[in-house]
């Protein structure tokens, strides 16, 4: 049986699970057994702290909305000041105090709203003032590029469907967004944390999305894009670095690990555990914080600190009390 045949002979894998496996085999098994799906890949939902920065139309819409709010706050400030003057003339000290409180609150709110407008206008100016540019590759190394350079070059963001390949690699996944221009579809990832280093699991993830896009849409993916943390700066990874042979090898290796039912060796570098969600300590709460493997809860393996019990998903699954994360370093002896 060749790698492609073996890759399709087992249950479906998500790109998220595959990326976790490339990061650490234990993390890959945990993601697969917990039935995790693509996490955090959709456009962010609007919230009070959210200001759009990837979509010019949304930026302009928010400028209009926030400007209307600013006008309302300014009117409220003026009304409060008029209240204070009237109450002063009528010698109503209680009403004067209340009026000054409303005035101060409205004035501070107007400053906050004005700050939001300034930020949005700056983003709009950056979007409209950026010249078009596309990445030029001379090797397989990632190339620096800016989000608005690609947008100015005609690429439009699109929220993609969930891609499936049930016939060949039995793989599914959905990138955060794709940039589309003509017959070019560019998968986009967002990096979290503070590191700007492109790791092998990022490359593997882009390779998987490239494969799924080309199988499902028959469009071309000349490169993939990784947005750097909290930034519009990005790294473009050429298609030549997104090899399909390596992708099939990793899928086959991962499926062999799943089928073997064995526990992989723990990681040799503490830095992997420090940054891994599955190794973080969590307060143990019976019937609420259990770790699940293939739909079944696992008995927790806890450490006791100041009368409270702590555990981790990785510790529960692979029966080691303290995955070597810094947050576990000061915990007491196992119970």
C-alpha atoms as a PDB file:
ATOM      1  CA  UNK A   1       0.000   0.000   0.000  1.00  0.00           C
ATOM      2  CA  UNK A   2       1.534   3.369  -0.998  1.00  0.00           C
ATOM      3  CA  UNK A   3       1.384   6.516   1.133  1.00  0.00           C
ATOM      4  CA  UNK A   4      -1.585   8.020  -0.676  1.00  0.00           C
ATOM      5  CA  UNK A   5      -3.624   4.820  -0.345  1.00  0.00           C
ATOM      6  CA  UNK A   6      -2.717   4.504   3.331  1.00  0.00           C
ATOM      7  CA  UNK A   7      -3.517   8.162   3.966  1.00  0.00           C
ATOM      8  CA  UNK A   8      -7.078   7.638   2.760  1.00  0.00           C
ATOM      9  CA  UNK A   9      -7.631   4.322   4.531  1.00  0.00           C
ATOM     10  CA  UNK A  10      -8.220   5.740   8.031  1.00  0.00           C
ATOM     11  CA  UNK A  11     -10.719   8.198   9.536  1.00  0.00           C
ATOM     12  CA  UNK A  12     -10.639  11.762   8.310  1.00  0.00           C
ATOM     13  CA  UNK A  13      -8.019  14.136   9.690  1.00  0.00           C
ATOM     14  CA  UNK A  14      -8.340  17.900   9.993  1.00  0.00           C
ATOM     15  CA  UNK A  15      -5.585  20.323   9.040  1.00  0.00           C
ATOM     16  CA  UNK A  16      -5.633  21.492  12.655  1.00  0.00           C
ATOM     17  CA  UNK A  17      -4.862  17.984  13.930  1.00  0.00           C
ATOM     18  CA  UNK A  18      -2.108  17.583  11.364  1.00  0.00           C
ATOM     19  CA  UNK A  19      -0.526  20.885  12.385  1.00  0.00           C
ATOM     20  CA  UNK A  20      -0.657  19.871  16.036  1.00  0.00           C
ATOM     21  CA  UNK A  21       1.028  16.563  15.193  1.00  0.00           C
ATOM     22  CA  UNK A  22       3.816  18.354  13.359  1.00  0.00           C
ATOM     23  CA  UNK A  23       4.288  20.566  16.420  1.00  0.00           C
ATOM     24  CA  UNK A  24       4.270  17.630  18.862  1.00  0.00           C
ATOM     25  CA  UNK A  25       2.962  14.067  18.295  1.00  0.00           C
ATOM     26  CA  UNK A  26       1.274  14.087  21.711  1.00  0.00           C
ATOM     27  CA  UNK A  27      -0.562  17.304  20.852  1.00  0.00           C
ATOM     28  CA  UNK A  28      -1.654  15.765  17.561  1.00  0.00           C
ATOM     29  CA  UNK A  29      -3.147  12.727  19.273  1.00  0.00           C
ATOM     30  CA  UNK A  30      -4.925  14.911  21.823  1.00  0.00           C
ATOM     31  CA  UNK A  31      -6.418  17.094  19.102  1.00  0.00           C
ATOM     32  CA  UNK A  32      -7.534  14.024  17.137  1.00  0.00           C
ATOM     33  CA  UNK A  33      -9.015  12.156  20.110  1.00  0.00           C
ATOM     34  CA  UNK A  34     -10.762  15.235  21.469  1.00  0.00           C
ATOM     35  CA  UNK A  35     -12.424  15.660  18.059  1.00  0.00           C
ATOM     36  CA  UNK A  36     -11.095  19.197  17.788  1.00  0.00           C
ATOM     37  CA  UNK A  37     -11.968  21.014  14.579  1.00  0.00           C
ATOM     38  CA  UNK A  38     -10.467  24.058  12.929  1.00  0.00           C
ATOM     39  CA  UNK A  39     -10.169  26.586  15.740  1.00  0.00           C
ATOM     40  CA  UNK A  40     -10.348  30.340  15.427  1.00  0.00           C
ATOM     41  CA  UNK A  41     -10.321  30.398  11.644  1.00  0.00           C
ATOM     42  CA  UNK A  42     -13.421  32.524  11.042  1.00  0.00           C
ATOM     43  CA  UNK A  43     -13.590  36.281  10.774  1.00  0.00           C
ATOM     44  CA  UNK A  44     -13.653  37.710  14.308  1.00  0.00           C
ATOM     45  CA  UNK A  45     -17.119  38.484  15.624  1.00  0.00           C
ATOM     46  CA  UNK A  46     -17.791  42.160  16.309  1.00  0.00           C
ATOM     47  CA  UNK A  47     -17.204  43.068  19.951  1.00  0.00           C
ATOM     48  CA  UNK A  48     -16.634  46.295  21.859  1.00  0.00           C
ATOM     49  CA  UNK A  49     -12.852  45.998  21.645  1.00  0.00           C
ATOM     50  CA  UNK A  50     -12.879  45.125  17.933  1.00  0.00           C
ATOM     51  CA  UNK A  51     -11.892  47.592  15.246  1.00  0.00           C
ATOM     52  CA  UNK A  52     -11.719  46.327  11.661  1.00  0.00           C
ATOM     53  CA  UNK A  53      -8.310  46.400  10.037  1.00  0.00           C
ATOM     54  CA  UNK A  54      -8.408  43.840   7.213  1.00  0.00           C
ATOM     55  CA  UNK A  55     -11.407  45.091   5.239  1.00  0.00           C
ATOM     56  CA  UNK A  56     -11.587  48.642   3.836  1.00  0.00           C
ATOM     57  CA  UNK A  57     -15.384  48.580   3.470  1.00  0.00           C
ATOM     58  CA  UNK A  58     -15.738  47.642   7.144  1.00  0.00           C
ATOM     59  CA  UNK A  59     -13.310  50.384   8.170  1.00  0.00           C
ATOM     60  CA  UNK A  60     -15.361  52.973   6.280  1.00  0.00           C
ATOM     61  CA  UNK A  61     -18.611  51.635   7.723  1.00  0.00           C
ATOM     62  CA  UNK A  62     -17.218  51.889  11.236  1.00  0.00           C
ATOM     63  CA  UNK A  63     -16.023  55.454  10.612  1.00  0.00           C
ATOM     64  CA  UNK A  64     -19.599  56.418   9.693  1.00  0.00           C
ATOM     65  CA  UNK A  65     -21.104  54.653  12.730  1.00  0.00           C
ATOM     66  CA  UNK A  66     -18.561  55.969  15.242  1.00  0.00           C
ATOM     67  CA  UNK A  67     -18.908  59.527  13.844  1.00  0.00           C
ATOM     68  CA  UNK A  68     -22.655  59.400  14.559  1.00  0.00           C
ATOM     69  CA  UNK A  69     -21.872  58.194  18.097  1.00  0.00           C
ATOM     70  CA  UNK A  70     -19.411  61.079  18.550  1.00  0.00           C
ATOM     71  CA  UNK A  71     -22.057  63.614  17.515  1.00  0.00           C
ATOM     72  CA  UNK A  72     -24.463  62.110  20.053  1.00  0.00           C
ATOM     73  CA  UNK A  73     -21.872  62.251  22.839  1.00  0.00           C
ATOM     74  CA  UNK A  74     -21.007  65.877  22.008  1.00  0.00           C
ATOM     75  CA  UNK A  75     -24.712  66.768  22.173  1.00  0.00           C
ATOM     76  CA  UNK A  76     -24.948  65.031  25.569  1.00  0.00           C
ATOM     77  CA  UNK A  77     -21.923  67.007  26.777  1.00  0.00           C
ATOM     78  CA  UNK A  78     -23.555  70.280  25.726  1.00  0.00           C
ATOM     79  CA  UNK A  79     -26.858  69.357  27.387  1.00  0.00           C
ATOM     80  CA  UNK A  80     -25.028  68.506  30.627  1.00  0.00           C
ATOM     81  CA  UNK A  81     -23.202  71.837  30.576  1.00  0.00           C
ATOM     82  CA  UNK A  82     -26.486  73.664  30.030  1.00  0.00           C
ATOM     83  CA  UNK A  83     -27.960  71.723  32.978  1.00  0.00           C
ATOM     84  CA  UNK A  84     -25.090  72.883  35.194  1.00  0.00           C
ATOM     85  CA  UNK A  85     -25.560  76.533  34.217  1.00  0.00           C
ATOM     86  CA  UNK A  86     -29.304  76.401  34.813  1.00  0.00           C
ATOM     87  CA  UNK A  87     -28.923  74.616  38.153  1.00  0.00           C
ATOM     88  CA  UNK A  88     -26.345  77.205  39.220  1.00  0.00           C
ATOM     89  CA  UNK A  89     -28.723  80.044  38.412  1.00  0.00           C
ATOM     90  CA  UNK A  90     -31.476  78.307  40.378  1.00  0.00           C
ATOM     91  CA  UNK A  91     -29.095  77.648  43.306  1.00  0.00           C
ATOM     92  CA  UNK A  92     -29.628  73.879  43.246  1.00  0.00           C
ATOM     93  CA  UNK A  93     -26.311  72.421  44.523  1.00  0.00           C
ATOM     94  CA  UNK A  94     -27.442  68.781  44.168  1.00  0.00           C
ATOM     95  CA  UNK A  95     -28.462  69.310  40.573  1.00  0.00           C
ATOM     96  CA  UNK A  96     -25.190  71.151  39.900  1.00  0.00           C
ATOM     97  CA  UNK A  97     -23.192  68.177  41.177  1.00  0.00           C
ATOM     98  CA  UNK A  98     -25.200  65.748  39.112  1.00  0.00           C
ATOM     99  CA  UNK A  99     -24.775  67.909  36.030  1.00  0.00           C
ATOM    100  CA  UNK A 100     -20.996  68.061  36.461  1.00  0.00           C
ATOM    101  CA  UNK A 101     -20.907  64.269  36.833  1.00  0.00           C
ATOM    102  CA  UNK A 102     -22.839  63.807  33.570  1.00  0.00           C
ATOM    103  CA  UNK A 103     -20.680  66.412  31.853  1.00  0.00           C
ATOM    104  CA  UNK A 104     -17.447  64.715  32.950  1.00  0.00           C
ATOM    105  CA  UNK A 105     -18.670  61.282  31.884  1.00  0.00           C
ATOM    106  CA  UNK A 106     -19.818  62.544  28.479  1.00  0.00           C
ATOM    107  CA  UNK A 107     -16.582  64.479  27.959  1.00  0.00           C
ATOM    108  CA  UNK A 108     -14.435  61.409  28.708  1.00  0.00           C
ATOM    109  CA  UNK A 109     -16.648  59.297  26.425  1.00  0.00           C
ATOM    110  CA  UNK A 110     -16.197  61.833  23.628  1.00  0.00           C
ATOM    111  CA  UNK A 111     -12.412  61.590  23.986  1.00  0.00           C
ATOM    112  CA  UNK A 112     -12.629  57.790  23.756  1.00  0.00           C
ATOM    113  CA  UNK A 113     -14.836  57.899  20.670  1.00  0.00           C
ATOM    114  CA  UNK A 114     -12.581  60.525  19.081  1.00  0.00           C
ATOM    115  CA  UNK A 115      -9.607  58.208  19.636  1.00  0.00           C
ATOM    116  CA  UNK A 116     -11.450  55.403  17.842  1.00  0.00           C
ATOM    117  CA  UNK A 117     -12.157  57.686  14.889  1.00  0.00           C
ATOM    118  CA  UNK A 118      -8.487  58.713  14.682  1.00  0.00           C
ATOM    119  CA  UNK A 119      -7.430  55.049  14.680  1.00  0.00           C
ATOM    120  CA  UNK A 120      -9.955  54.169  11.978  1.00  0.00           C
ATOM    121  CA  UNK A 121      -8.964  57.128   9.801  1.00  0.00           C
ATOM    122  CA  UNK A 122      -5.309  56.135  10.098  1.00  0.00           C
ATOM    123  CA  UNK A 123      -6.179  52.590   8.997  1.00  0.00           C
ATOM    124  CA  UNK A 124      -8.212  53.922   6.085  1.00  0.00           C
ATOM    125  CA  UNK A 125      -5.361  56.177   5.015  1.00  0.00           C
ATOM    126  CA  UNK A 126      -2.921  53.261   5.202  1.00  0.00           C
ATOM    127  CA  UNK A 127      -5.250  51.083   3.133  1.00  0.00           C
ATOM    128  CA  UNK A 128      -5.788  53.701   0.429  1.00  0.00           C
ATOM    129  CA  UNK A 129      -2.184  54.918   0.358  1.00  0.00           C
ATOM    130  CA  UNK A 130      -0.430  51.570  -0.060  1.00  0.00           C
ATOM    131  CA  UNK A 131       0.936  50.791  -3.505  1.00  0.00           C
ATOM    132  CA  UNK A 132       0.262  47.381  -5.076  1.00  0.00           C
ATOM    133  CA  UNK A 133       2.988  44.775  -4.788  1.00  0.00           C
ATOM    134  CA  UNK A 134       3.171  41.011  -5.050  1.00  0.00           C
ATOM    135  CA  UNK A 135       5.807  38.686  -3.613  1.00  0.00           C
ATOM    136  CA  UNK A 136       8.730  37.761  -5.850  1.00  0.00           C
ATOM    137  CA  UNK A 137      10.442  34.503  -4.967  1.00  0.00           C
ATOM    138  CA  UNK A 138      14.036  33.600  -5.734  1.00  0.00           C
ATOM    139  CA  UNK A 139      14.123  30.591  -3.406  1.00  0.00           C
ATOM    140  CA  UNK A 140      11.846  28.643  -1.066  1.00  0.00           C
ATOM    141  CA  UNK A 141      12.389  31.185   1.710  1.00  0.00           C
ATOM    142  CA  UNK A 142       9.350  33.232   2.869  1.00  0.00           C
ATOM    143  CA  UNK A 143       9.144  36.787   1.499  1.00  0.00           C
ATOM    144  CA  UNK A 144       7.932  39.817   3.470  1.00  0.00           C
ATOM    145  CA  UNK A 145       4.754  41.441   2.174  1.00  0.00           C
ATOM    146  CA  UNK A 146       2.015  43.716   3.544  1.00  0.00           C
ATOM    147  CA  UNK A 147      -1.682  42.900   3.645  1.00  0.00           C
ATOM    148  CA  UNK A 148      -2.658  46.153   1.926  1.00  0.00           C
ATOM    149  CA  UNK A 149      -0.054  45.670  -0.811  1.00  0.00           C
ATOM    150  CA  UNK A 150      -1.856  42.484  -1.816  1.00  0.00           C
ATOM    151  CA  UNK A 151      -5.268  44.120  -1.472  1.00  0.00           C
ATOM    152  CA  UNK A 152      -4.076  46.996  -3.677  1.00  0.00           C
ATOM    153  CA  UNK A 153      -2.885  44.383  -6.192  1.00  0.00           C
ATOM    154  CA  UNK A 154      -6.491  43.222  -6.585  1.00  0.00           C
ATOM    155  CA  UNK A 155      -6.787  40.368  -4.090  1.00  0.00           C
ATOM    156  CA  UNK A 156     -10.124  40.242  -2.269  1.00  0.00           C
ATOM    157  CA  UNK A 157     -10.664  38.421   1.053  1.00  0.00           C
ATOM    158  CA  UNK A 158     -13.254  35.692   1.080  1.00  0.00           C
ATOM    159  CA  UNK A 159     -14.465  33.489   3.900  1.00  0.00           C
ATOM    160  CA  UNK A 160     -13.994  30.012   2.412  1.00  0.00           C
ATOM    161  CA  UNK A 161     -16.147  26.934   2.853  1.00  0.00           C
ATOM    162  CA  UNK A 162     -14.839  23.920   4.697  1.00  0.00           C
ATOM    163  CA  UNK A 163     -12.799  21.954   2.187  1.00  0.00           C
ATOM    164  CA  UNK A 164     -12.939  18.148   2.103  1.00  0.00           C
ATOM    165  CA  UNK A 165     -10.981  15.484   0.290  1.00  0.00           C
ATOM    166  CA  UNK A 166     -12.563  12.123   1.043  1.00  0.00           C
ATOM    167  CA  UNK A 167     -11.131  10.195  -1.918  1.00  0.00           C
ATOM    168  CA  UNK A 168      -7.355  10.692  -1.782  1.00  0.00           C
ATOM    169  CA  UNK A 169      -5.931  11.935   1.529  1.00  0.00           C
ATOM    170  CA  UNK A 170      -9.177  11.920   3.555  1.00  0.00           C
ATOM    171  CA  UNK A 171      -8.358  15.403   4.837  1.00  0.00           C
ATOM    172  CA  UNK A 172     -10.527  18.406   5.678  1.00  0.00           C
ATOM    173  CA  UNK A 173      -9.961  21.959   6.814  1.00  0.00           C
ATOM    174  CA  UNK A 174     -10.743  25.632   6.465  1.00  0.00           C
ATOM    175  CA  UNK A 175      -8.204  28.479   6.415  1.00  0.00           C
ATOM    176  CA  UNK A 176      -8.955  31.683   8.292  1.00  0.00           C
ATOM    177  CA  UNK A 177      -9.560  33.436   4.967  1.00  0.00           C
ATOM    178  CA  UNK A 178      -8.502  33.172   1.337  1.00  0.00           C
ATOM    179  CA  UNK A 179      -7.366  36.033  -0.892  1.00  0.00           C
ATOM    180  CA  UNK A 180      -8.916  35.640  -4.327  1.00  0.00           C
ATOM    181  CA  UNK A 181      -7.975  37.205  -7.648  1.00  0.00           C
ATOM    182  CA  UNK A 182      -9.040  35.513 -10.838  1.00  0.00           C
ATOM    183  CA  UNK A 183      -7.992  31.874 -10.688  1.00  0.00           C
ATOM    184  CA  UNK A 184      -5.568  32.459  -7.789  1.00  0.00           C
ATOM    185  CA  UNK A 185      -6.672  31.489  -4.280  1.00  0.00           C
ATOM    186  CA  UNK A 186      -4.224  32.314  -1.478  1.00  0.00           C
ATOM    187  CA  UNK A 187      -4.825  30.650   1.944  1.00  0.00           C
ATOM    188  CA  UNK A 188      -4.123  32.947   4.889  1.00  0.00           C
ATOM    189  CA  UNK A 189      -3.105  31.993   8.432  1.00  0.00           C
ATOM    190  CA  UNK A 190      -2.883  34.279  11.449  1.00  0.00           C
ATOM    191  CA  UNK A 191      -0.078  33.714  13.919  1.00  0.00           C
ATOM    192  CA  UNK A 192      -0.756  34.078  17.635  1.00  0.00           C
ATOM    193  CA  UNK A 193       1.609  34.956  20.446  1.00  0.00           C
ATOM    194  CA  UNK A 194       4.578  37.260  19.932  1.00  0.00           C
ATOM    195  CA  UNK A 195       7.005  35.203  17.836  1.00  0.00           C
ATOM    196  CA  UNK A 196       7.363  36.076  14.151  1.00  0.00           C
ATOM    197  CA  UNK A 197       9.210  32.878  13.271  1.00  0.00           C
ATOM    198  CA  UNK A 198       7.592  30.695  10.603  1.00  0.00           C
ATOM    199  CA  UNK A 199       7.759  27.098  11.856  1.00  0.00           C
ATOM    200  CA  UNK A 200       7.378  23.793  10.047  1.00  0.00           C
ATOM    201  CA  UNK A 201       3.819  23.336  11.303  1.00  0.00           C
ATOM    202  CA  UNK A 202       2.850  26.650   9.626  1.00  0.00           C
ATOM    203  CA  UNK A 203       4.400  25.447   6.358  1.00  0.00           C
ATOM    204  CA  UNK A 204       2.602  22.106   6.661  1.00  0.00           C
ATOM    205  CA  UNK A 205      -0.713  23.821   7.311  1.00  0.00           C
ATOM    206  CA  UNK A 206      -0.336  26.011   4.231  1.00  0.00           C
ATOM    207  CA  UNK A 207       0.627  22.952   2.177  1.00  0.00           C
ATOM    208  CA  UNK A 208      -2.535  21.180   3.332  1.00  0.00           C
ATOM    209  CA  UNK A 209      -4.726  24.176   2.482  1.00  0.00           C
ATOM    210  CA  UNK A 210      -3.039  24.512  -0.903  1.00  0.00           C
ATOM    211  CA  UNK A 211      -3.804  20.861  -1.597  1.00  0.00           C
ATOM    212  CA  UNK A 212      -7.437  21.167  -0.475  1.00  0.00           C
ATOM    213  CA  UNK A 213      -8.023  24.358  -2.470  1.00  0.00           C
ATOM    214  CA  UNK A 214      -6.617  22.902  -5.667  1.00  0.00           C
ATOM    215  CA  UNK A 215      -8.529  19.614  -5.265  1.00  0.00           C
ATOM    216  CA  UNK A 216     -11.849  21.296  -4.446  1.00  0.00           C
ATOM    217  CA  UNK A 217     -11.769  24.390  -6.668  1.00  0.00           C
ATOM    218  CA  UNK A 218      -9.149  23.559  -9.343  1.00  0.00           C
ATOM    219  CA  UNK A 219      -7.780  27.085  -8.845  1.00  0.00           C
ATOM    220  CA  UNK A 220      -4.072  27.801  -8.446  1.00  0.00           C
ATOM    221  CA  UNK A 221      -2.299  28.541  -5.162  1.00  0.00           C
ATOM    222  CA  UNK A 222       1.059  30.098  -6.113  1.00  0.00           C
ATOM    223  CA  UNK A 223       1.857  30.793  -2.461  1.00  0.00           C
ATOM    224  CA  UNK A 224       0.397  30.870   1.037  1.00  0.00           C
ATOM    225  CA  UNK A 225       0.293  33.795   3.443  1.00  0.00           C
ATOM    226  CA  UNK A 226       1.056  33.981   7.167  1.00  0.00           C
ATOM    227  CA  UNK A 227      -0.047  37.163   8.955  1.00  0.00           C
ATOM    228  CA  UNK A 228       2.382  38.039  11.742  1.00  0.00           C
ATOM    229  CA  UNK A 229       1.032  38.491  15.299  1.00  0.00           C
ATOM    230  CA  UNK A 230      -1.030  41.659  15.842  1.00  0.00           C
ATOM    231  CA  UNK A 231       0.135  43.080  12.534  1.00  0.00           C
ATOM    232  CA  UNK A 232      -0.748  43.617   8.893  1.00  0.00           C
ATOM    233  CA  UNK A 233       2.744  42.533   7.939  1.00  0.00           C
ATOM    234  CA  UNK A 234       2.950  39.039   6.515  1.00  0.00           C
ATOM    235  CA  UNK A 235       5.213  36.361   5.125  1.00  0.00           C
ATOM    236  CA  UNK A 236       4.444  34.792   1.766  1.00  0.00           C
ATOM    237  CA  UNK A 237       5.527  31.168   1.414  1.00  0.00           C
ATOM    238  CA  UNK A 238       6.037  29.992  -2.202  1.00  0.00           C
ATOM    239  CA  UNK A 239       4.275  26.943  -3.547  1.00  0.00           C
ATOM    240  CA  UNK A 240       7.635  25.256  -4.075  1.00  0.00           C
ATOM    241  CA  UNK A 241       8.011  25.135  -0.279  1.00  0.00           C
ATOM    242  CA  UNK A 242       4.532  23.637   0.170  1.00  0.00           C
ATOM    243  CA  UNK A 243       5.463  20.172  -1.017  1.00  0.00           C
ATOM    244  CA  UNK A 244       2.728  17.586  -1.454  1.00  0.00           C
ATOM    245  CA  UNK A 245       5.080  14.628  -1.011  1.00  0.00           C
ATOM    246  CA  UNK A 246       6.038  15.746   2.500  1.00  0.00           C
ATOM    247  CA  UNK A 247       2.365  16.402   3.314  1.00  0.00           C
ATOM    248  CA  UNK A 248       1.443  12.830   2.340  1.00  0.00           C
ATOM    249  CA  UNK A 249       4.374  11.473   4.370  1.00  0.00           C
ATOM    250  CA  UNK A 250       3.307  13.344   7.510  1.00  0.00           C
ATOM    251  CA  UNK A 251      -0.313  12.202   7.099  1.00  0.00           C
ATOM    252  CA  UNK A 252       0.779   8.582   6.713  1.00  0.00           C
ATOM    253  CA  UNK A 253       3.096   8.817   9.745  1.00  0.00           C
ATOM    254  CA  UNK A 254       0.345  10.376  11.842  1.00  0.00           C
ATOM    255  CA  UNK A 255      -2.146   7.682  10.863  1.00  0.00           C
ATOM    256  CA  UNK A 256       0.361   4.969  11.699  1.00  0.00           C
ATOM    257  CA  UNK A 257       0.745   6.518  15.151  1.00  0.00           C
ATOM    258  CA  UNK A 258      -3.048   6.633  15.612  1.00  0.00           C
ATOM    259  CA  UNK A 259      -3.458   3.013  14.497  1.00  0.00           C
ATOM    260  CA  UNK A 260      -0.600   1.777  16.695  1.00  0.00           C
ATOM    261  CA  UNK A 261      -2.412   2.943  19.864  1.00  0.00           C
ATOM    262  CA  UNK A 262       0.984   3.692  21.422  1.00  0.00           C
ATOM    263  CA  UNK A 263       1.985   6.802  23.349  1.00  0.00           C
ATOM    264  CA  UNK A 264       4.657   8.864  21.602  1.00  0.00           C
ATOM    265  CA  UNK A 265       7.715   9.960  23.543  1.00  0.00           C
ATOM    266  CA  UNK A 266       7.428  13.282  25.408  1.00  0.00           C
ATOM    267  CA  UNK A 267       8.993  16.323  23.752  1.00  0.00           C
ATOM    268  CA  UNK A 268      12.644  16.941  24.533  1.00  0.00           C
ATOM    269  CA  UNK A 269      12.340  20.751  24.517  1.00  0.00           C
ATOM    270  CA  UNK A 270      10.517  22.529  27.347  1.00  0.00           C
ATOM    271  CA  UNK A 271       9.684  25.420  25.034  1.00  0.00           C
ATOM    272  CA  UNK A 272       7.220  23.175  23.161  1.00  0.00           C
ATOM    273  CA  UNK A 273       5.297  22.438  26.350  1.00  0.00           C
ATOM    274  CA  UNK A 274       5.404  26.089  27.461  1.00  0.00           C
ATOM    275  CA  UNK A 275       3.491  27.147  24.349  1.00  0.00           C
ATOM    276  CA  UNK A 276       1.136  24.177  24.158  1.00  0.00           C
ATOM    277  CA  UNK A 277      -2.522  24.476  25.164  1.00  0.00           C
ATOM    278  CA  UNK A 278      -2.673  20.814  26.181  1.00  0.00           C
ATOM    279  CA  UNK A 279       0.155  21.152  28.721  1.00  0.00           C
ATOM    280  CA  UNK A 280      -1.279  24.126  30.616  1.00  0.00           C
ATOM    281  CA  UNK A 281      -2.425  23.470  34.201  1.00  0.00           C
ATOM    282  CA  UNK A 282      -6.160  23.769  34.829  1.00  0.00           C
ATOM    283  CA  UNK A 283      -8.064  23.735  38.099  1.00  0.00           C
ATOM    284  CA  UNK A 284      -9.748  20.349  38.455  1.00  0.00           C
ATOM    285  CA  UNK A 285     -13.524  20.533  38.915  1.00  0.00           C
ATOM    286  CA  UNK A 286     -15.316  17.176  39.030  1.00  0.00           C
ATOM    287  CA  UNK A 287     -17.609  16.500  36.071  1.00  0.00           C
ATOM    288  CA  UNK A 288     -16.611  19.820  34.473  1.00  0.00           C
ATOM    289  CA  UNK A 289     -12.928  19.846  33.597  1.00  0.00           C
ATOM    290  CA  UNK A 290     -12.308  16.240  32.582  1.00  0.00           C
ATOM    291  CA  UNK A 291     -10.116  15.422  29.618  1.00  0.00           C
ATOM    292  CA  UNK A 292     -11.932  13.427  26.942  1.00  0.00           C
ATOM    293  CA  UNK A 293     -10.413  10.853  24.639  1.00  0.00           C
ATOM    294  CA  UNK A 294     -12.615   9.565  21.819  1.00  0.00           C
ATOM    295  CA  UNK A 295     -15.719  10.673  23.708  1.00  0.00           C
ATOM    296  CA  UNK A 296     -14.787   9.086  27.047  1.00  0.00           C
ATOM    297  CA  UNK A 297     -13.571  10.998  30.151  1.00  0.00           C
ATOM    298  CA  UNK A 298     -10.113  10.137  31.432  1.00  0.00           C
ATOM    299  CA  UNK A 299      -9.286   9.873  35.148  1.00  0.00           C
ATOM    300  CA  UNK A 300      -7.487  13.082  36.132  1.00  0.00           C
ATOM    301  CA  UNK A 301      -3.878  13.026  37.259  1.00  0.00           C
ATOM    302  CA  UNK A 302      -3.662  15.914  39.686  1.00  0.00           C
ATOM    303  CA  UNK A 303      -1.211  17.898  41.777  1.00  0.00           C
ATOM    304  CA  UNK A 304      -2.383  19.577  44.974  1.00  0.00           C
ATOM    305  CA  UNK A 305      -1.484  23.192  45.704  1.00  0.00           C
ATOM    306  CA  UNK A 306      -2.909  25.078  48.706  1.00  0.00           C
ATOM    307  CA  UNK A 307      -5.852  22.681  48.946  1.00  0.00           C
ATOM    308  CA  UNK A 308      -6.705  22.916  45.234  1.00  0.00           C
ATOM    309  CA  UNK A 309      -6.166  20.245  42.596  1.00  0.00           C
ATOM    310  CA  UNK A 310      -4.628  20.961  39.214  1.00  0.00           C
ATOM    311  CA  UNK A 311      -4.249  18.856  36.082  1.00  0.00           C
ATOM    312  CA  UNK A 312      -3.531  19.139  32.373  1.00  0.00           C
ATOM    313  CA  UNK A 313      -4.995  17.467  29.314  1.00  0.00           C
ATOM    314  CA  UNK A 314      -1.599  16.125  28.283  1.00  0.00           C
ATOM    315  CA  UNK A 315      -0.920  14.833  31.805  1.00  0.00           C
ATOM    316  CA  UNK A 316      -4.292  13.073  31.975  1.00  0.00           C
ATOM    317  CA  UNK A 317      -3.881  11.429  28.573  1.00  0.00           C
ATOM    318  CA  UNK A 318      -0.262  10.318  28.853  1.00  0.00           C
ATOM    319  CA  UNK A 319      -0.152   9.822  32.636  1.00  0.00           C
ATOM    320  CA  UNK A 320       2.620  12.222  33.564  1.00  0.00           C
ATOM    321  CA  UNK A 321       1.911  14.573  36.434  1.00  0.00           C
ATOM    322  CA  UNK A 322       3.725  17.655  35.263  1.00  0.00           C
ATOM    323  CA  UNK A 323       4.341  18.328  31.589  1.00  0.00           C
ATOM    324  CA  UNK A 324       7.429  20.570  31.758  1.00  0.00           C
ATOM    325  CA  UNK A 325       5.723  23.935  31.413  1.00  0.00           C
ATOM    326  CA  UNK A 326       6.873  26.899  33.445  1.00  0.00           C
ATOM    327  CA  UNK A 327       3.391  27.202  34.932  1.00  0.00           C
ATOM    328  CA  UNK A 328       3.744  23.702  36.386  1.00  0.00           C
ATOM    329  CA  UNK A 329       7.261  24.296  37.664  1.00  0.00           C
ATOM    330  CA  UNK A 330       6.235  25.602  41.094  1.00  0.00           C
ATOM    331  CA  UNK A 331       3.465  23.110  41.765  1.00  0.00           C
ATOM    332  CA  UNK A 332       3.730  20.736  44.708  1.00  0.00           C
ATOM    333  CA  UNK A 333       4.354  17.004  44.652  1.00  0.00           C
ATOM    334  CA  UNK A 334       1.672  14.806  42.988  1.00  0.00           C
ATOM    335  CA  UNK A 335      -1.209  13.696  45.174  1.00  0.00           C
END
